[in-house]
Amino acid sequence: MLTNPFPNVDWMDLLFAMGETFYMTMLALIGTLIFGVILGLLLYLTANDGIWENKLLNFIVSSIVNVFRAIPFVILILLLIPFTDFLIGTIRGPNAALPALIIGSAPFYARLVEIGLREVDKGVVEAAKSMGAKTTTIIYKVLLKESTPALVSGLTVTAIALIGYTAVAGVIGAGGLGDFAYFHGFMRRDFDVVFVCTVLIVIIVFIFQFIGDAITNKMDKR
């Protein structure tokens, strides 16, 4: 026991599970970035005094975002099982977890995108309008460019939430460290396995936070 504090840990299987966690997190983060930015822009542009001010559309988008943010993730996974089976062809494995991960985290990130866009100086937007800039130019070269540090910071927060979501998804057989901790540790009462998985998840969170903070600090010129 003294020479091997983790006698029940199969390190090769654990390494494979860690790779699955990274796989699910990175692919879900890409999907979350795309859909989150689209939803966040719609929330900002259709709001009062927005470039595309539209109360009905803003209400619909805001309602969708609020509904999916309100559903606990473990319940969302279960609700999406028919959709996941139709889209992926299976309800088990890392790929099957991706729809729930993206749908669960994109609304959360959309609100962070909206907050980031609201921090952009309205004077800069008005100046771009007065110079005859097109809406697409204002979106890409003013709004998104000026809010990039906030968007990256929000994405870091979302990535860490996603890592937690992957652990939850593991409980229903999605793979990754959550799956490994539950089925190879908790179910067999091998709590050294649970402990090592927890430490690895914490390390992964620290890595994402460090990288996100470094990128944000480099981009933020204030």
C-alpha atoms as a PDB file:
ATOM      1  CA  MET A   1       0.000   0.000   0.000  1.00  0.00           C
ATOM      2  CA  LEU A   2       2.874   2.331   0.889  1.00  0.00           C
ATOM      3  CA  THR A   3       4.637   1.672  -2.409  1.00  0.00           C
ATOM      4  CA  ASN A   4       1.457   2.002  -4.488  1.00  0.00           C
ATOM      5  CA  PRO A   5      -1.103   4.430  -3.030  1.00  0.00           C
ATOM      6  CA  PHE A   6      -3.472   3.828  -5.983  1.00  0.00           C
ATOM      7  CA  PRO A   7      -3.539   0.008  -6.401  1.00  0.00           C
ATOM      8  CA  ASN A   8      -6.813  -0.069  -8.375  1.00  0.00           C
ATOM      9  CA  VAL A   9      -5.902   2.573 -10.950  1.00  0.00           C
ATOM     10  CA  ASP A  10      -5.261   1.314 -14.483  1.00  0.00           C
ATOM     11  CA  TRP A  11      -3.179   4.215 -15.771  1.00  0.00           C
ATOM     12  CA  MET A  12      -3.561   3.360 -19.461  1.00  0.00           C
ATOM     13  CA  ASP A  13      -7.361   3.254 -19.196  1.00  0.00           C
ATOM     14  CA  LEU A  14      -7.234   6.451 -17.157  1.00  0.00           C
ATOM     15  CA  LEU A  15      -5.142   8.155 -19.852  1.00  0.00           C
ATOM     16  CA  PHE A  16      -7.678   7.057 -22.474  1.00  0.00           C
ATOM     17  CA  ALA A  17     -10.540   8.459 -20.351  1.00  0.00           C
ATOM     18  CA  MET A  18      -8.673  11.761 -19.975  1.00  0.00           C
ATOM     19  CA  GLY A  19      -8.319  11.917 -23.770  1.00  0.00           C
ATOM     20  CA  GLU A  20     -12.093  11.422 -24.089  1.00  0.00           C
ATOM     21  CA  THR A  21     -12.675  14.299 -21.669  1.00  0.00           C
ATOM     22  CA  PHE A  22     -10.428  16.591 -23.746  1.00  0.00           C
ATOM     23  CA  TYR A  23     -12.150  15.400 -26.955  1.00  0.00           C
ATOM     24  CA  MET A  24     -15.653  16.144 -25.656  1.00  0.00           C
ATOM     25  CA  THR A  25     -14.595  19.476 -24.116  1.00  0.00           C
ATOM     26  CA  MET A  26     -12.793  20.828 -27.196  1.00  0.00           C
ATOM     27  CA  LEU A  27     -15.439  19.827 -29.766  1.00  0.00           C
ATOM     28  CA  ALA A  28     -18.268  21.049 -27.533  1.00  0.00           C
ATOM     29  CA  LEU A  29     -16.375  24.295 -26.959  1.00  0.00           C
ATOM     30  CA  ILE A  30     -16.127  24.907 -30.724  1.00  0.00           C
ATOM     31  CA  GLY A  31     -19.876  24.300 -31.147  1.00  0.00           C
ATOM     32  CA  THR A  32     -20.631  26.457 -28.120  1.00  0.00           C
ATOM     33  CA  LEU A  33     -18.492  29.283 -29.495  1.00  0.00           C
ATOM     34  CA  ILE A  34     -20.336  29.259 -32.842  1.00  0.00           C
ATOM     35  CA  PHE A  35     -23.897  29.011 -31.506  1.00  0.00           C
ATOM     36  CA  GLY A  36     -23.183  31.166 -28.444  1.00  0.00           C
ATOM     37  CA  VAL A  37     -21.844  34.061 -30.521  1.00  0.00           C
ATOM     38  CA  ILE A  38     -24.813  33.830 -32.940  1.00  0.00           C
ATOM     39  CA  LEU A  39     -27.347  33.833 -30.075  1.00  0.00           C
ATOM     40  CA  GLY A  40     -25.466  36.568 -28.190  1.00  0.00           C
ATOM     41  CA  LEU A  41     -25.385  38.792 -31.268  1.00  0.00           C
ATOM     42  CA  LEU A  42     -29.107  38.252 -31.863  1.00  0.00           C
ATOM     43  CA  LEU A  43     -29.838  39.172 -28.235  1.00  0.00           C
ATOM     44  CA  TYR A  44     -27.757  42.350 -28.520  1.00  0.00           C
ATOM     45  CA  LEU A  45     -28.761  43.484 -32.012  1.00  0.00           C
ATOM     46  CA  THR A  46     -32.529  42.950 -31.549  1.00  0.00           C
ATOM     47  CA  ALA A  47     -32.696  44.633 -28.128  1.00  0.00           C
ATOM     48  CA  ASN A  48     -34.009  48.170 -27.570  1.00  0.00           C
ATOM     49  CA  ASP A  49     -31.844  50.687 -29.490  1.00  0.00           C
ATOM     50  CA  GLY A  50     -30.128  47.780 -31.229  1.00  0.00           C
ATOM     51  CA  ILE A  51     -29.218  47.877 -34.920  1.00  0.00           C
ATOM     52  CA  TRP A  52     -31.917  45.261 -35.668  1.00  0.00           C
ATOM     53  CA  GLU A  53     -34.338  46.307 -32.903  1.00  0.00           C
ATOM     54  CA  ASN A  54     -37.149  43.745 -32.932  1.00  0.00           C
ATOM     55  CA  LYS A  55     -39.060  43.035 -29.726  1.00  0.00           C
ATOM     56  CA  LEU A  56     -40.686  39.822 -30.960  1.00  0.00           C
ATOM     57  CA  LEU A  57     -37.452  38.245 -32.183  1.00  0.00           C
ATOM     58  CA  ASN A  58     -35.627  39.380 -29.046  1.00  0.00           C
ATOM     59  CA  PHE A  59     -38.355  37.821 -26.894  1.00  0.00           C
ATOM     60  CA  ILE A  60     -38.170  34.510 -28.796  1.00  0.00           C
ATOM     61  CA  VAL A  61     -34.365  34.274 -28.652  1.00  0.00           C
ATOM     62  CA  SER A  62     -34.284  35.389 -25.033  1.00  0.00           C
ATOM     63  CA  SER A  63     -36.933  32.789 -24.117  1.00  0.00           C
ATOM     64  CA  ILE A  64     -35.004  29.979 -25.834  1.00  0.00           C
ATOM     65  CA  VAL A  65     -31.812  30.987 -24.026  1.00  0.00           C
ATOM     66  CA  ASN A  66     -33.547  31.226 -20.651  1.00  0.00           C
ATOM     67  CA  VAL A  67     -35.347  27.901 -21.031  1.00  0.00           C
ATOM     68  CA  PHE A  68     -32.221  25.912 -21.889  1.00  0.00           C
ATOM     69  CA  ARG A  69     -30.237  27.681 -19.148  1.00  0.00           C
ATOM     70  CA  ALA A  70     -32.905  26.740 -16.617  1.00  0.00           C
ATOM     71  CA  ILE A  71     -32.905  22.985 -17.354  1.00  0.00           C
ATOM     72  CA  PRO A  72     -30.433  21.028 -15.158  1.00  0.00           C
ATOM     73  CA  PHE A  73     -27.816  19.409 -17.388  1.00  0.00           C
ATOM     74  CA  VAL A  74     -28.452  15.821 -16.303  1.00  0.00           C
ATOM     75  CA  ILE A  75     -32.151  16.238 -17.153  1.00  0.00           C
ATOM     76  CA  LEU A  76     -31.281  17.902 -20.478  1.00  0.00           C
ATOM     77  CA  ILE A  77     -29.227  14.844 -21.456  1.00  0.00           C
ATOM     78  CA  LEU A  78     -32.204  12.585 -20.817  1.00  0.00           C
ATOM     79  CA  LEU A  79     -34.620  14.872 -22.689  1.00  0.00           C
ATOM     80  CA  LEU A  80     -32.305  14.942 -25.712  1.00  0.00           C
ATOM     81  CA  ILE A  81     -31.845  11.162 -25.962  1.00  0.00           C
ATOM     82  CA  PRO A  82     -34.278  10.774 -28.947  1.00  0.00           C
ATOM     83  CA  PHE A  83     -32.649  13.737 -30.734  1.00  0.00           C
ATOM     84  CA  THR A  84     -29.140  12.412 -29.985  1.00  0.00           C
ATOM     85  CA  ASP A  85     -30.066   8.938 -31.237  1.00  0.00           C
ATOM     86  CA  PHE A  86     -31.470  10.464 -34.457  1.00  0.00           C
ATOM     87  CA  LEU A  87     -28.473  12.751 -35.000  1.00  0.00           C
ATOM     88  CA  ILE A  88     -25.547  10.536 -33.895  1.00  0.00           C
ATOM     89  CA  GLY A  89     -27.063   7.055 -34.211  1.00  0.00           C
ATOM     90  CA  THR A  90     -26.229   6.107 -30.623  1.00  0.00           C
ATOM     91  CA  ILE A  91     -26.793   7.435 -27.116  1.00  0.00           C
ATOM     92  CA  ARG A  92     -23.498   6.208 -25.674  1.00  0.00           C
ATOM     93  CA  GLY A  93     -19.925   7.382 -26.097  1.00  0.00           C
ATOM     94  CA  PRO A  94     -18.223  10.789 -26.359  1.00  0.00           C
ATOM     95  CA  ASN A  95     -19.906  11.725 -29.666  1.00  0.00           C
ATOM     96  CA  ALA A  96     -23.362  11.098 -28.192  1.00  0.00           C
ATOM     97  CA  ALA A  97     -22.612  13.597 -25.436  1.00  0.00           C
ATOM     98  CA  LEU A  98     -21.800  16.439 -27.853  1.00  0.00           C
ATOM     99  CA  PRO A  99     -25.383  17.600 -28.706  1.00  0.00           C
ATOM    100  CA  ALA A 100     -26.316  17.892 -25.030  1.00  0.00           C
ATOM    101  CA  LEU A 101     -23.001  19.582 -24.173  1.00  0.00           C
ATOM    102  CA  ILE A 102     -23.426  22.193 -26.924  1.00  0.00           C
ATOM    103  CA  ILE A 103     -27.148  22.794 -26.345  1.00  0.00           C
ATOM    104  CA  GLY A 104     -26.542  23.020 -22.598  1.00  0.00           C
ATOM    105  CA  SER A 105     -23.626  25.451 -22.723  1.00  0.00           C
ATOM    106  CA  ALA A 106     -24.335  27.649 -25.785  1.00  0.00           C
ATOM    107  CA  PRO A 107     -27.208  29.586 -24.066  1.00  0.00           C
ATOM    108  CA  PHE A 108     -24.958  30.178 -21.050  1.00  0.00           C
ATOM    109  CA  TYR A 109     -22.197  31.542 -23.283  1.00  0.00           C
ATOM    110  CA  ALA A 110     -24.729  33.594 -25.297  1.00  0.00           C
ATOM    111  CA  ARG A 111     -25.539  35.657 -22.194  1.00  0.00           C
ATOM    112  CA  LEU A 112     -21.817  36.226 -21.586  1.00  0.00           C
ATOM    113  CA  VAL A 113     -21.457  37.324 -25.239  1.00  0.00           C
ATOM    114  CA  GLU A 114     -24.370  39.738 -24.818  1.00  0.00           C
ATOM    115  CA  ILE A 115     -22.757  41.223 -21.687  1.00  0.00           C
ATOM    116  CA  GLY A 116     -19.440  41.569 -23.531  1.00  0.00           C
ATOM    117  CA  LEU A 117     -21.112  43.359 -26.465  1.00  0.00           C
ATOM    118  CA  ARG A 118     -22.897  45.767 -24.113  1.00  0.00           C
ATOM    119  CA  GLU A 119     -19.500  46.829 -22.753  1.00  0.00           C
ATOM    120  CA  VAL A 120     -18.476  48.146 -26.180  1.00  0.00           C
ATOM    121  CA  ASP A 121     -18.517  51.956 -26.238  1.00  0.00           C
ATOM    122  CA  LYS A 122     -21.694  53.031 -28.071  1.00  0.00           C
ATOM    123  CA  GLY A 123     -19.788  56.049 -29.342  1.00  0.00           C
ATOM    124  CA  VAL A 124     -17.545  53.772 -31.393  1.00  0.00           C
ATOM    125  CA  VAL A 125     -20.604  52.068 -32.924  1.00  0.00           C
ATOM    126  CA  GLU A 126     -22.229  55.433 -33.698  1.00  0.00           C
ATOM    127  CA  ALA A 127     -19.002  56.687 -35.268  1.00  0.00           C
ATOM    128  CA  ALA A 128     -18.893  53.625 -37.524  1.00  0.00           C
ATOM    129  CA  LYS A 129     -22.532  54.209 -38.524  1.00  0.00           C
ATOM    130  CA  SER A 130     -21.891  57.886 -39.316  1.00  0.00           C
ATOM    131  CA  MET A 131     -19.060  56.870 -41.629  1.00  0.00           C
ATOM    132  CA  GLY A 132     -21.486  54.662 -43.570  1.00  0.00           C
ATOM    133  CA  ALA A 133     -20.184  51.303 -42.335  1.00  0.00           C
ATOM    134  CA  LYS A 134     -22.390  48.329 -43.213  1.00  0.00           C
ATOM    135  CA  THR A 135     -23.988  46.281 -40.443  1.00  0.00           C
ATOM    136  CA  THR A 136     -21.683  43.334 -41.161  1.00  0.00           C
ATOM    137  CA  THR A 137     -18.685  45.657 -40.877  1.00  0.00           C
ATOM    138  CA  ILE A 138     -19.946  47.000 -37.543  1.00  0.00           C
ATOM    139  CA  ILE A 139     -20.469  43.447 -36.265  1.00  0.00           C
ATOM    140  CA  TYR A 140     -17.107  42.012 -37.324  1.00  0.00           C
ATOM    141  CA  LYS A 141     -14.788  45.040 -37.103  1.00  0.00           C
ATOM    142  CA  VAL A 142     -16.343  46.944 -34.206  1.00  0.00           C
ATOM    143  CA  LEU A 143     -18.519  44.821 -31.925  1.00  0.00           C
ATOM    144  CA  LEU A 144     -16.676  41.488 -32.053  1.00  0.00           C
ATOM    145  CA  LYS A 145     -13.238  43.079 -32.293  1.00  0.00           C
ATOM    146  CA  GLU A 146     -13.760  45.468 -29.361  1.00  0.00           C
ATOM    147  CA  SER A 147     -15.322  42.781 -27.168  1.00  0.00           C
ATOM    148  CA  THR A 148     -12.770  40.043 -27.911  1.00  0.00           C
ATOM    149  CA  PRO A 149     -11.150  40.037 -24.406  1.00  0.00           C
ATOM    150  CA  ALA A 150     -14.606  39.706 -22.789  1.00  0.00           C
ATOM    151  CA  LEU A 151     -15.574  36.963 -25.263  1.00  0.00           C
ATOM    152  CA  VAL A 152     -12.393  34.999 -24.505  1.00  0.00           C
ATOM    153  CA  SER A 153     -12.872  35.454 -20.764  1.00  0.00           C
ATOM    154  CA  GLY A 154     -16.476  34.239 -21.085  1.00  0.00           C
ATOM    155  CA  LEU A 155     -15.344  31.288 -23.187  1.00  0.00           C
ATOM    156  CA  THR A 156     -12.884  30.307 -20.450  1.00  0.00           C
ATOM    157  CA  VAL A 157     -15.676  30.300 -17.863  1.00  0.00           C
ATOM    158  CA  THR A 158     -17.840  28.254 -20.251  1.00  0.00           C
ATOM    159  CA  ALA A 159     -15.018  25.769 -20.915  1.00  0.00           C
ATOM    160  CA  ILE A 160     -14.676  25.093 -17.194  1.00  0.00           C
ATOM    161  CA  ALA A 161     -18.433  24.571 -16.920  1.00  0.00           C
ATOM    162  CA  LEU A 162     -18.191  22.191 -19.900  1.00  0.00           C
ATOM    163  CA  ILE A 163     -15.563  20.092 -18.122  1.00  0.00           C
ATOM    164  CA  GLY A 164     -18.051  19.675 -15.280  1.00  0.00           C
ATOM    165  CA  TYR A 165     -20.760  18.780 -17.787  1.00  0.00           C
ATOM    166  CA  THR A 166     -18.547  16.051 -19.332  1.00  0.00           C
ATOM    167  CA  ALA A 167     -18.165  14.512 -15.873  1.00  0.00           C
ATOM    168  CA  VAL A 168     -21.962  14.476 -15.492  1.00  0.00           C
ATOM    169  CA  ALA A 169     -22.391  13.023 -18.986  1.00  0.00           C
ATOM    170  CA  GLY A 170     -19.989  10.251 -18.005  1.00  0.00           C
ATOM    171  CA  VAL A 171     -22.497   8.935 -15.492  1.00  0.00           C
ATOM    172  CA  ILE A 172     -24.781   7.880 -18.379  1.00  0.00           C
ATOM    173  CA  GLY A 173     -21.947   6.272 -20.346  1.00  0.00           C
ATOM    174  CA  ALA A 174     -20.538   9.148 -22.382  1.00  0.00           C
ATOM    175  CA  GLY A 175     -16.957   8.197 -21.545  1.00  0.00           C
ATOM    176  CA  GLY A 176     -14.278  10.446 -20.081  1.00  0.00           C
ATOM    177  CA  LEU A 177     -13.104  10.873 -16.515  1.00  0.00           C
ATOM    178  CA  GLY A 178     -16.628  11.135 -15.101  1.00  0.00           C
ATOM    179  CA  ASP A 179     -17.538   7.797 -16.656  1.00  0.00           C
ATOM    180  CA  PHE A 180     -14.283   6.249 -15.404  1.00  0.00           C
ATOM    181  CA  ALA A 181     -14.724   7.604 -11.868  1.00  0.00           C
ATOM    182  CA  TYR A 182     -18.307   6.342 -11.627  1.00  0.00           C
ATOM    183  CA  PHE A 183     -18.138   2.916 -13.266  1.00  0.00           C
ATOM    184  CA  HIS A 184     -14.522   1.936 -12.444  1.00  0.00           C
ATOM    185  CA  GLY A 185     -14.322   3.709  -9.092  1.00  0.00           C
ATOM    186  CA  PHE A 186     -17.601   4.368  -7.322  1.00  0.00           C
ATOM    187  CA  MET A 187     -19.501   1.269  -8.537  1.00  0.00           C
ATOM    188  CA  ARG A 188     -16.606  -1.013  -7.550  1.00  0.00           C
ATOM    189  CA  ARG A 189     -15.912   0.912  -4.312  1.00  0.00           C
ATOM    190  CA  ASP A 190     -12.390   1.632  -5.555  1.00  0.00           C
ATOM    191  CA  PHE A 191     -12.256   5.140  -4.167  1.00  0.00           C
ATOM    192  CA  ASP A 192      -8.603   5.656  -5.080  1.00  0.00           C
ATOM    193  CA  VAL A 193      -9.823   5.675  -8.712  1.00  0.00           C
ATOM    194  CA  VAL A 194     -12.433   8.330  -7.870  1.00  0.00           C
ATOM    195  CA  PHE A 195      -9.762  10.389  -6.101  1.00  0.00           C
ATOM    196  CA  VAL A 196      -7.303  10.273  -9.025  1.00  0.00           C
ATOM    197  CA  CYS A 197     -10.055  11.168 -11.538  1.00  0.00           C
ATOM    198  CA  THR A 198     -11.061  14.139  -9.385  1.00  0.00           C
ATOM    199  CA  VAL A 199      -7.483  15.384  -9.187  1.00  0.00           C
ATOM    200  CA  LEU A 200      -7.091  15.092 -12.974  1.00  0.00           C
ATOM    201  CA  ILE A 201     -10.330  17.026 -13.585  1.00  0.00           C
ATOM    202  CA  VAL A 202      -9.102  19.795 -11.256  1.00  0.00           C
ATOM    203  CA  ILE A 203      -5.766  19.905 -13.116  1.00  0.00           C
ATOM    204  CA  ILE A 204      -7.574  20.175 -16.476  1.00  0.00           C
ATOM    205  CA  VAL A 205      -9.679  23.059 -15.099  1.00  0.00           C
ATOM    206  CA  PHE A 206      -6.511  24.848 -13.939  1.00  0.00           C
ATOM    207  CA  ILE A 207      -4.941  24.385 -17.396  1.00  0.00           C
ATOM    208  CA  PHE A 208      -7.980  25.875 -19.186  1.00  0.00           C
ATOM    209  CA  GLN A 209      -8.153  28.776 -16.703  1.00  0.00           C
ATOM    210  CA  PHE A 210      -4.417  29.522 -17.116  1.00  0.00           C
ATOM    211  CA  ILE A 211      -4.600  29.489 -20.927  1.00  0.00           C
ATOM    212  CA  GLY A 212      -7.789  31.596 -20.957  1.00  0.00           C
ATOM    213  CA  ASP A 213      -6.363  34.194 -18.560  1.00  0.00           C
ATOM    214  CA  ALA A 214      -3.127  34.411 -20.560  1.00  0.00           C
ATOM    215  CA  ILE A 215      -4.982  35.011 -23.852  1.00  0.00           C
ATOM    216  CA  THR A 216      -7.356  37.549 -22.255  1.00  0.00           C
ATOM    217  CA  ASN A 217      -4.499  39.515 -20.659  1.00  0.00           C
ATOM    218  CA  LYS A 218      -2.600  39.591 -23.955  1.00  0.00           C
ATOM    219  CA  MET A 219      -5.620  40.900 -25.888  1.00  0.00           C
ATOM    220  CA  ASP A 220      -6.854  43.389 -23.280  1.00  0.00           C
ATOM    221  CA  LYS A 221      -5.023  46.647 -23.983  1.00  0.00           C
ATOM    222  CA  ARG A 222      -6.926  48.739 -21.423  1.00  0.00           C
END
